[in-house]
């Protein structure tokens, strides 16, 4: 048996109905991994508003990656700590918008562990 992590498991009794198809996947070979830890945060916005408002007001010079739902990833810790709540009021023309941001640190992802897993070091 091969120890390659890309080997597919064969399931007996399955795959007898239908026909084979070709699938194109959007993926890239990893050629470089940073040694910097990744900080993972959970974001809840009530009522649901634009993430760009949060990024512009509170991220400062920390670059964020947002999955469009509730997960934020950064290469540095956010400056306001692990758990924070923000009440924000914005005015657009004559209309006032108020919303609440709750952000909680979920984890610190050690990129050295990921590197060892991928390259077997």
Foldseek 3Di string as FASTA:
>chain_A
DDPDPPDDDDDPPPDPDDDDDDDDDDDDDDDDDDQQKKWKKFKDKVPDDDVVVVCVPFQPPWDWDDPVPTIIITSDDGPPDAWDKDWDWDDDDHDIDIMMMIMGTDDIHRRVVVVCVVVVD
